[in-house]
Protein backbone atom coordinates (compact mmCIF):
# COMPACT_ATOMS: atom_id res chain seq x y z
CA MET A 1 -64.44 45.08 -50.47
CA GLN A 2 -61.76 45.10 -47.44
CA SER A 3 -60.72 48.48 -45.76
CA LEU A 4 -56.93 49.59 -45.86
CA SER A 5 -57.13 49.03 -42.08
CA SER A 6 -58.67 45.61 -42.27
CA ILE A 7 -55.98 44.59 -44.77
CA SER A 8 -53.20 45.89 -42.69
CA ALA A 9 -54.12 44.16 -39.60
CA ALA A 10 -54.31 40.68 -41.59
CA ILE A 11 -50.77 41.48 -42.68
CA THR A 12 -49.72 42.12 -39.41
CA ASN A 13 -51.15 39.02 -37.85
CA ASN A 14 -49.92 37.00 -40.77
CA ALA A 15 -46.35 38.40 -40.08
CA GLU A 16 -46.48 37.62 -36.53
CA ALA A 17 -47.63 34.17 -37.16
CA VAL A 18 -44.56 33.52 -39.51
CA PHE A 19 -42.16 35.16 -37.06
CA SER A 20 -43.75 32.92 -34.40
CA ALA A 21 -43.28 30.12 -36.35
CA ILE A 22 -39.61 30.96 -37.24
CA THR A 23 -38.72 31.92 -33.74
CA PRO A 24 -38.01 28.97 -31.12
CA THR A 25 -39.65 29.11 -27.61
CA GLN A 26 -37.51 28.96 -24.65
CA ASP A 27 -38.30 25.04 -24.10
CA GLN A 28 -36.80 24.75 -27.54
CA VAL A 29 -33.81 26.59 -27.22
CA ASP A 30 -33.27 24.62 -23.67
CA GLY A 31 -33.91 21.38 -25.57
CA LEU A 32 -30.94 22.42 -28.20
CA ALA A 33 -28.50 23.54 -25.07
CA ASN A 34 -29.39 20.35 -23.48
CA SER A 35 -28.77 18.29 -26.87
CA ALA A 36 -25.33 20.08 -27.36
CA LEU A 37 -24.53 19.32 -23.65
CA SER A 38 -25.55 15.54 -24.28
CA ARG A 39 -22.88 15.50 -27.53
CA GLY A 40 -20.32 17.24 -25.76
CA LEU A 41 -20.28 14.69 -23.02
CA ALA A 42 -20.12 11.92 -25.49
CA ASP A 43 -17.25 13.81 -27.12
CA LEU A 44 -15.63 13.55 -23.87
CA THR A 45 -16.31 9.89 -23.31
CA ASN A 46 -14.70 9.15 -26.61
CA GLY A 47 -11.75 11.15 -25.64
CA ASN A 48 -12.20 14.18 -28.09
CA MET A 49 -11.96 16.94 -26.01
CA ASP A 50 -11.54 19.77 -28.71
CA ALA A 51 -14.94 18.58 -30.08
CA ALA A 52 -16.64 18.70 -26.36
CA ILE A 53 -15.13 22.19 -26.03
CA VAL A 54 -17.38 23.13 -29.06
CA GLU A 55 -20.51 21.55 -27.90
CA LEU A 56 -20.25 22.59 -24.51
CA LYS A 57 -19.65 26.33 -25.27
CA SER A 58 -22.49 26.02 -27.69
CA SER A 59 -24.80 24.72 -24.70
CA ILE A 60 -23.58 27.37 -22.46
CA ALA A 61 -24.53 30.21 -25.15
CA LEU A 62 -27.85 28.82 -26.41
CA SER A 63 -29.02 28.74 -22.76
CA PRO A 64 -26.90 30.62 -20.47
CA TYR A 65 -29.39 30.52 -17.27
CA SER A 66 -30.66 27.14 -17.59
CA ASP A 67 -30.30 24.75 -14.95
CA ASN A 68 -27.99 22.61 -16.90
CA THR A 69 -25.75 25.28 -17.83
CA ILE A 70 -23.83 25.36 -14.64
CA THR A 71 -23.04 21.49 -15.32
CA ALA A 72 -21.81 22.62 -18.96
CA TYR A 73 -19.53 24.83 -17.47
CA LYS A 74 -17.92 22.61 -14.95
CA TYR A 75 -17.30 19.90 -17.54
CA LEU A 76 -15.77 23.04 -20.05
CA ALA A 77 -13.35 23.88 -17.02
CA ASP A 78 -12.69 20.12 -16.56
CA THR A 79 -11.49 19.61 -19.78
CA TYR A 80 -9.50 22.76 -19.81
CA GLN A 81 -7.76 21.51 -17.03
CA LYS A 82 -7.19 18.14 -18.45
CA GLN A 83 -5.20 20.17 -21.43
CA GLY A 84 -3.12 22.04 -19.31
CA LYS A 85 -5.18 25.00 -19.55
CA ASP A 86 -5.85 26.68 -16.09
CA ASP A 87 -6.17 29.98 -17.29
CA GLU A 88 -8.98 29.01 -19.41
CA ALA A 89 -10.56 26.80 -16.56
CA ILE A 90 -10.34 29.76 -14.26
CA LYS A 91 -12.04 32.14 -17.05
CA ALA A 92 -15.21 29.38 -17.11
CA TYR A 93 -15.65 29.19 -13.75
CA LYS A 94 -15.68 33.10 -13.34
CA GLN A 95 -18.36 33.52 -16.16
CA ALA A 96 -20.04 30.69 -14.31
CA ALA A 97 -20.01 32.85 -10.96
CA ALA A 98 -21.19 35.77 -13.04
CA PHE A 99 -24.19 34.23 -14.23
CA PHE A 100 -25.08 32.16 -11.28
CA PRO A 101 -24.34 34.40 -8.03
CA THR A 102 -25.83 32.36 -5.30
CA SER A 103 -23.89 29.06 -6.62
CA THR A 104 -21.43 27.97 -4.48
CA GLU A 105 -19.70 25.67 -7.07
CA PRO A 106 -17.78 28.20 -9.13
CA HIS A 107 -16.28 29.63 -6.21
CA SER A 108 -15.16 26.17 -4.75
CA GLU A 109 -13.83 25.10 -7.97
CA LEU A 110 -11.73 28.25 -8.41
CA GLY A 111 -10.45 27.63 -4.91
CA LEU A 112 -9.37 24.44 -5.63
CA ILE A 113 -7.55 25.31 -8.53
CA TYR A 114 -5.85 28.21 -7.06
CA PHE A 115 -5.14 26.10 -3.92
CA ASN A 116 -3.28 23.16 -6.43
CA GLN A 117 -1.44 26.36 -7.85
CA LYS A 118 -0.25 27.34 -4.45
CA ASP A 119 -1.88 30.80 -5.08
CA PHE A 120 -3.30 30.79 -1.41
CA LYS A 121 -4.55 34.34 -1.36
CA ASN A 122 -6.74 33.92 -4.42
CA ALA A 123 -7.98 30.46 -2.81
CA ASP A 124 -8.73 32.10 0.39
CA LYS A 125 -10.80 34.77 -1.75
CA GLU A 126 -12.95 32.09 -3.23
CA TYR A 127 -13.24 29.74 -0.43
CA SER A 128 -14.27 32.38 1.68
CA LYS A 129 -17.09 33.57 -1.02
CA ALA A 130 -18.56 29.94 -0.92
CA VAL A 131 -18.59 29.90 2.69
CA ALA A 132 -20.28 32.95 2.79
CA LEU A 133 -22.88 31.98 0.22
CA ASP A 134 -23.70 28.70 2.41
CA PRO A 135 -21.99 28.60 5.85
CA ASN A 136 -23.37 25.07 6.51
CA LEU A 137 -21.71 23.47 3.49
CA ALA A 138 -18.83 21.32 5.38
CA SER A 139 -16.72 20.71 2.68
CA ASN A 140 -16.15 24.39 1.73
CA VAL A 141 -15.71 24.85 5.20
CA TYR A 142 -13.15 22.51 5.47
CA SER A 143 -11.18 23.52 2.52
CA LEU A 144 -11.15 26.93 3.64
CA GLY A 145 -9.56 25.89 7.02
CA GLN A 146 -6.85 23.93 4.84
CA THR A 147 -6.22 27.12 2.90
CA TYR A 148 -5.76 28.99 6.19
CA LEU A 149 -3.28 26.27 7.15
CA ALA A 150 -1.33 26.45 4.14
CA GLU A 151 -1.35 30.81 4.71
CA GLY A 152 0.22 30.34 8.34
CA LEU A 153 -2.94 31.48 9.49
CA TYR A 154 -3.43 28.77 12.31
CA THR A 155 -5.57 30.57 14.60
CA ASP A 156 -8.01 31.12 11.39
CA ALA A 157 -7.89 27.55 10.85
CA GLU A 158 -8.29 26.27 14.09
CA LYS A 159 -11.75 28.39 14.55
CA VAL A 160 -13.11 26.84 10.97
CA PHE A 161 -11.76 23.58 11.56
CA LYS A 162 -13.89 23.66 14.79
CA ARG A 163 -16.52 24.56 12.74
CA ALA A 164 -16.24 21.68 10.42
CA LYS A 165 -16.37 19.21 13.19
CA ILE A 166 -19.61 20.57 14.31
CA LEU A 167 -21.13 20.39 10.74
CA THR A 168 -19.59 16.78 9.75
CA GLY A 169 -20.54 15.25 13.42
CA SER A 170 -18.57 13.65 16.13
CA ASN A 171 -18.04 9.91 14.13
CA ASP A 172 -16.35 11.91 11.04
CA PRO A 173 -12.29 11.56 11.44
CA SER A 174 -11.68 14.55 8.82
CA GLY A 175 -12.37 17.40 11.67
CA PHE A 176 -9.87 15.63 14.15
CA TYR A 177 -7.50 15.20 11.55
CA ALA A 178 -7.55 18.50 10.62
CA LEU A 179 -7.17 20.08 13.92
CA GLY A 180 -4.35 17.85 14.48
CA GLN A 181 -2.44 19.03 11.31
CA ASP A 182 -3.32 22.56 12.77
CA TYR A 183 -2.00 21.97 16.11
CA ARG A 184 1.12 20.60 14.88
CA LYS A 185 1.76 23.60 13.01
CA MET A 186 1.28 25.82 16.08
CA GLY A 187 3.88 23.63 18.25
CA ARG A 188 1.05 22.23 20.16
CA PHE A 189 2.21 18.70 19.94
CA ASP A 190 0.45 17.18 22.48
CA ALA A 191 -2.97 18.56 21.58
CA ALA A 192 -2.07 17.41 17.80
CA VAL A 193 -1.45 13.76 19.25
CA ALA A 194 -5.12 14.09 20.84
CA GLN A 195 -6.83 15.13 17.86
CA LEU A 196 -4.98 12.53 15.73
CA THR A 197 -5.32 9.62 17.97
CA GLN A 198 -9.13 10.32 17.84
CA ALA A 199 -9.02 10.55 13.89
CA VAL A 200 -7.62 6.85 13.79
CA ALA A 201 -9.99 5.35 16.64
CA LEU A 202 -12.80 6.53 14.10
CA ASP A 203 -11.04 5.11 11.09
CA LYS A 204 -8.08 2.75 11.15
CA SER A 205 -7.70 2.84 7.75
CA TYR A 206 -6.73 6.90 7.30
CA ALA A 207 -3.44 6.75 5.94
CA ASP A 208 -3.51 10.55 6.03
CA VAL A 209 -3.61 10.58 9.80
CA TYR A 210 -0.72 8.12 10.62
CA LEU A 211 1.45 10.30 8.35
CA GLU A 212 0.59 13.28 10.51
CA LEU A 213 0.83 11.53 13.64
CA GLY A 214 4.43 10.18 12.73
CA LYS A 215 5.29 13.97 11.77
CA THR A 216 4.01 14.95 15.02
CA TYR A 217 6.21 12.47 16.98
CA ALA A 218 8.97 13.08 14.93
CA ASP A 219 8.72 17.07 16.16
CA MET A 220 8.79 15.73 19.50
CA LYS A 221 11.82 13.83 18.95
CA GLU A 222 10.03 10.54 19.97
CA THR A 223 11.64 8.66 17.01
CA ALA A 224 10.69 5.17 18.22
CA LYS A 225 6.75 6.31 18.38
CA ALA A 226 7.33 8.09 14.69
CA ASN A 227 8.83 4.80 13.24
CA GLU A 228 5.97 3.17 14.63
CA GLN A 229 3.47 4.88 12.44
CA VAL A 230 5.79 3.98 9.47
CA ASP A 231 5.49 0.13 10.38
CA ILE A 232 1.23 1.17 10.52
CA LEU A 233 1.29 2.40 6.98
CA SER A 234 3.64 -0.43 5.86
CA ASN A 235 1.18 -3.11 7.39
CA LEU A 236 -1.56 -0.88 5.93
CA ALA A 237 -0.22 -0.76 2.46
CA LYS A 238 -0.15 -4.41 2.37
CA THR A 239 -3.97 -4.84 2.79
CA GLN A 240 -4.61 -2.73 -0.30
CA SER A 241 -5.81 -4.43 -3.46
CA ASP A 242 -6.15 -1.46 -5.56
CA SER A 243 -2.48 -0.68 -6.74
CA GLN A 244 -2.99 3.21 -6.67
CA SER A 245 -4.05 3.16 -3.10
CA LYS A 246 -1.01 1.07 -2.33
CA SER A 247 1.08 3.34 -4.41
CA ASN A 248 -0.22 6.40 -2.52
CA ILE A 249 0.77 4.79 1.07
CA GLN A 250 4.10 3.98 -0.26
CA SER A 251 4.62 7.60 -1.09
CA GLN A 252 3.64 8.69 2.21
CA ILE A 253 6.14 6.12 3.88
CA THR A 254 8.79 7.46 2.26
CA GLU A 255 7.69 11.14 2.69
CA LEU A 256 7.50 10.10 6.64
CA GLN A 257 11.01 8.28 6.72
CA ASN A 258 12.50 11.11 5.26
CA TYR A 259 10.73 13.48 7.50
CA ILE A 260 12.01 11.31 10.67
CA SER A 261 15.39 11.53 9.00
CA LYS A 262 15.58 15.37 9.50
CA PHE A 263 14.83 15.22 13.15
CA SER A 264 17.04 11.82 13.91
CA LEU A 265 20.26 12.76 15.60
CA PRO A 266 23.37 12.25 13.14
CA LYS A 267 25.89 9.30 14.06
CA PHE A 268 28.98 7.84 13.03
CA SER A 269 28.08 4.78 11.17
CA ALA A 270 31.35 3.39 9.79
CA VAL A 271 35.15 4.23 10.38
CA TYR A 272 37.90 3.34 8.28
CA SER A 273 41.39 4.00 7.97
CA SER A 274 43.50 5.07 4.40
CA GLY A 275 46.88 4.54 5.01
CA GLY A 276 49.42 3.17 7.83
CA PHE A 277 47.24 4.57 10.64
CA LEU A 278 45.53 1.74 11.85
CA PRO A 279 43.46 2.03 14.78
CA SER A 280 43.94 -1.79 15.74
CA LEU A 281 47.81 -0.95 16.89
CA GLY A 282 48.33 -1.18 20.24
CA PRO A 283 50.40 0.81 22.85
CA GLY A 284 53.91 0.81 21.88
CA THR A 285 53.80 1.13 18.01
CA LEU A 286 56.73 2.60 16.56
CA VAL A 287 55.66 5.39 14.23
CA ALA A 288 58.28 4.92 11.88
CA THR A 289 56.55 1.38 10.87
CA MET A 290 53.22 3.28 10.09
CA ASP A 291 55.18 5.30 7.29
CA SER A 292 58.65 5.17 6.08
CA GLY A 293 58.22 9.03 5.95
CA LEU A 294 58.67 9.20 9.75
CA SER A 295 62.10 7.27 9.66
CA ASP A 296 64.02 10.36 10.08
CA SER A 297 63.83 12.84 13.54
CA GLY A 298 61.58 15.59 13.52
CA THR A 299 59.97 14.45 10.21
CA SER A 300 55.99 14.74 10.05
CA LYS A 301 53.53 12.59 8.12
CA THR A 302 49.68 13.19 7.15
CA PHE A 303 47.56 10.44 7.83
CA THR A 304 43.61 9.88 6.75
CA MET A 305 40.86 8.61 9.00
CA ASN A 306 37.47 8.44 7.18
CA PHE A 307 33.99 8.77 9.06
CA THR A 308 30.63 7.86 7.34
CA PHE A 309 27.81 9.51 8.91
CA ASN A 310 24.03 7.97 8.92
CA LYS A 311 22.51 11.00 7.25
CA ASP A 312 23.54 13.93 5.16
CA MET A 313 25.46 16.59 7.15
CA ASP A 314 26.07 20.42 6.91
CA VAL A 315 29.18 20.70 4.64
CA GLU A 316 30.57 23.69 6.26
CA SER A 317 30.00 22.38 9.67
CA VAL A 318 31.95 19.19 8.98
CA GLN A 319 34.82 21.14 7.20
CA ASN A 320 35.10 23.21 10.31
CA LEU A 321 38.57 21.85 11.75
CA SER A 322 37.35 23.31 15.16
CA ASN A 323 34.47 20.87 15.11
CA TRP A 324 36.91 18.04 15.40
CA LEU A 325 39.04 16.87 18.27
CA ILE A 326 41.82 14.48 18.20
CA ARG A 327 43.05 13.41 21.80
CA ARG A 328 44.60 10.35 23.84
CA THR A 329 41.75 8.49 25.53
CA THR A 330 41.50 8.99 29.47
CA ALA A 331 40.32 6.39 32.30
CA SER A 332 36.88 8.02 32.18
CA ASP A 333 36.50 7.31 28.08
CA ALA A 334 34.78 3.80 27.09
CA GLY A 335 38.02 1.61 26.67
CA TYR A 336 39.85 2.81 29.22
CA ALA A 337 42.96 4.97 29.31
CA TYR A 338 45.57 5.60 27.00
CA ASN A 339 48.40 3.09 27.11
CA TRP A 340 46.20 0.99 29.19
CA GLY A 341 46.58 3.48 31.88
CA LEU A 342 50.55 3.03 32.26
CA PRO A 343 52.66 6.02 32.39
CA VAL A 344 53.26 7.47 28.98
CA GLN A 345 56.66 7.22 27.85
CA PRO A 346 58.83 9.98 26.92
CA THR A 347 59.15 8.63 23.45
CA GLU A 348 55.40 9.21 22.64
CA ALA A 349 55.11 11.02 19.26
CA ALA A 350 53.11 14.33 19.09
CA ILE A 351 49.76 14.30 17.47
CA SER A 352 47.78 17.28 16.39
CA SER A 353 44.81 17.68 18.02
CA VAL A 354 43.08 19.46 15.36
CA PRO A 355 43.00 18.14 11.80
CA VAL A 356 45.08 19.35 8.86
CA SER A 357 42.02 19.43 6.90
CA VAL A 358 38.91 17.85 6.37
CA ILE A 359 36.81 17.23 3.16
CA TYR A 360 33.20 15.91 3.11
CA ASN A 361 31.66 13.80 0.25
CA SER A 362 28.12 14.50 0.27
CA LYS A 363 27.02 11.49 -1.96
CA THR A 364 28.43 9.20 0.51
CA ALA A 365 28.02 11.17 3.75
CA THR A 366 31.60 10.48 4.70
CA ALA A 367 34.52 12.86 5.80
CA GLN A 368 38.11 12.47 5.21
CA VAL A 369 40.15 13.79 8.30
CA MET A 370 43.53 14.37 7.82
CA PHE A 371 46.00 14.87 10.64
CA LYS A 372 49.43 15.12 11.36
CA ILE A 373 51.69 12.80 13.38
CA THR A 374 55.35 14.04 14.54
CA GLN A 375 58.47 12.03 14.87
CA ASN A 376 60.65 12.89 17.83
CA SER A 377 64.50 14.01 17.62
CA GLU A 378 65.88 10.62 18.38
CA ALA A 379 63.63 9.17 15.56
CA ASN A 380 61.94 6.51 18.30
CA ALA A 381 58.69 7.98 18.79
CA THR A 382 56.01 5.46 19.72
CA LEU A 383 52.27 5.62 19.71
CA ASP A 384 49.06 3.73 20.99
CA PRO A 385 46.73 4.08 18.08
CA SER A 386 43.97 1.91 19.68
CA HIS A 387 43.36 4.58 22.25
CA ILE A 388 43.58 8.02 19.70
CA MET A 389 39.99 9.33 20.18
CA PHE A 390 38.32 11.20 17.25
CA LYS A 391 35.31 13.11 18.13
CA PHE A 392 33.05 15.40 16.04
CA SER A 393 30.68 18.37 17.51
CA GLY A 394 29.03 19.66 14.51
CA ILE A 395 25.48 19.54 12.92
CA ASP A 396 23.62 17.73 10.10
CA ALA A 397 22.00 19.18 7.13
CA SER A 398 18.99 19.88 9.00
CA GLY A 399 20.79 21.56 12.01
CA ASN A 400 20.72 18.73 14.71
CA LYS A 401 23.53 18.03 16.65
CA MET A 402 25.62 14.65 16.87
CA ASP A 403 24.09 11.91 18.86
CA ALA A 404 26.23 11.97 22.11
CA SER A 405 25.97 8.06 22.34
CA ALA A 406 27.94 8.15 18.89
CA ASP A 407 30.09 10.94 18.08
CA GLN A 408 33.46 9.64 18.84
CA TYR A 409 35.48 6.82 17.97
CA SER A 410 38.62 5.21 18.90
CA GLY A 411 40.08 1.77 17.78
CA ILE A 412 39.41 0.20 21.32
CA SER A 413 36.12 1.07 21.92
CA LYS A 414 34.95 1.74 18.21
CA ILE A 415 32.01 4.14 17.91
CA VAL A 416 31.03 5.42 21.30
């Protein structure tokens, strides 16, 4: 007959055996987690994101520290981002960072999300953590530099980009490109050109560099060289077989053209009359023939000339009357002097040197300039409309002053 102690031991052994049978091993748990991960990836392939999220969460919960779990976190966060749920993606990556404190990936992914949200302060923090964990991973060093650039920390960016150049090697154009970006922001345009030129020497298909180089030349007021980069990008776009690549370069072309326009000097591009003041009329023109309202002595009449600019102008500047000057031409003006240099007759009509009013239409970039002509007391006043000069000295919408080669107009000399 068995003793009570032996019976108790037997029962204990049997219980442990039963418990062991129903308790999965770590390998079994990891296998379940991997199966859930596989199902989640399959759901993603089939476009079933909600089901994928359930499986990916299950995989993480089953085995939070396994090698594949960080992969599950990445796919989970990516899925949330595709659904527009950036906050959930951030939460997932923060959990991953807590479970895998030595991994750079959660921090670099968080940095990218914050950067795209233009939350550069938090992007800076996350990329800094990633670089601290692995100072030799060039992609994170480069990303930290781009974040410094976005924050306006140009000196810090320079140091980091120089480090990235060392890590990527002298044959990688990305470091040269990044330093070129930084030097342009610092106003060191010659240094920027040197770096960017080296980048395109290494990779002639690097569209981003041509965009940056064009902007640098525009900053330097070297419009012709800036436009050369537009031409290079246009030719590069023609060589693209991929429609998305071609579309991206076309967007860069538009961006560069708009940027160049900001720095190009404004000009008169067209001038036309609205009414009886015709700039083609020559010396001795009776003002009474220009408008019947000037038939009586001492009467005045307002006329309109329309000036179209080559770019959008500063509204306040254009409508500021003191920025306009109306005068008779002199011998030093292109097109020669008023009345072809002959003495001005006593019958000459009075014309105001300052407009009565100016109205600017930003949709057409056109200014309506209204000015007054007054008949003399004998009602026989004459004028030489072809030698009346209109000059504008204001600025465009970007603050650029008028191009001195096209800031004035007369009927005889046109735009000069």
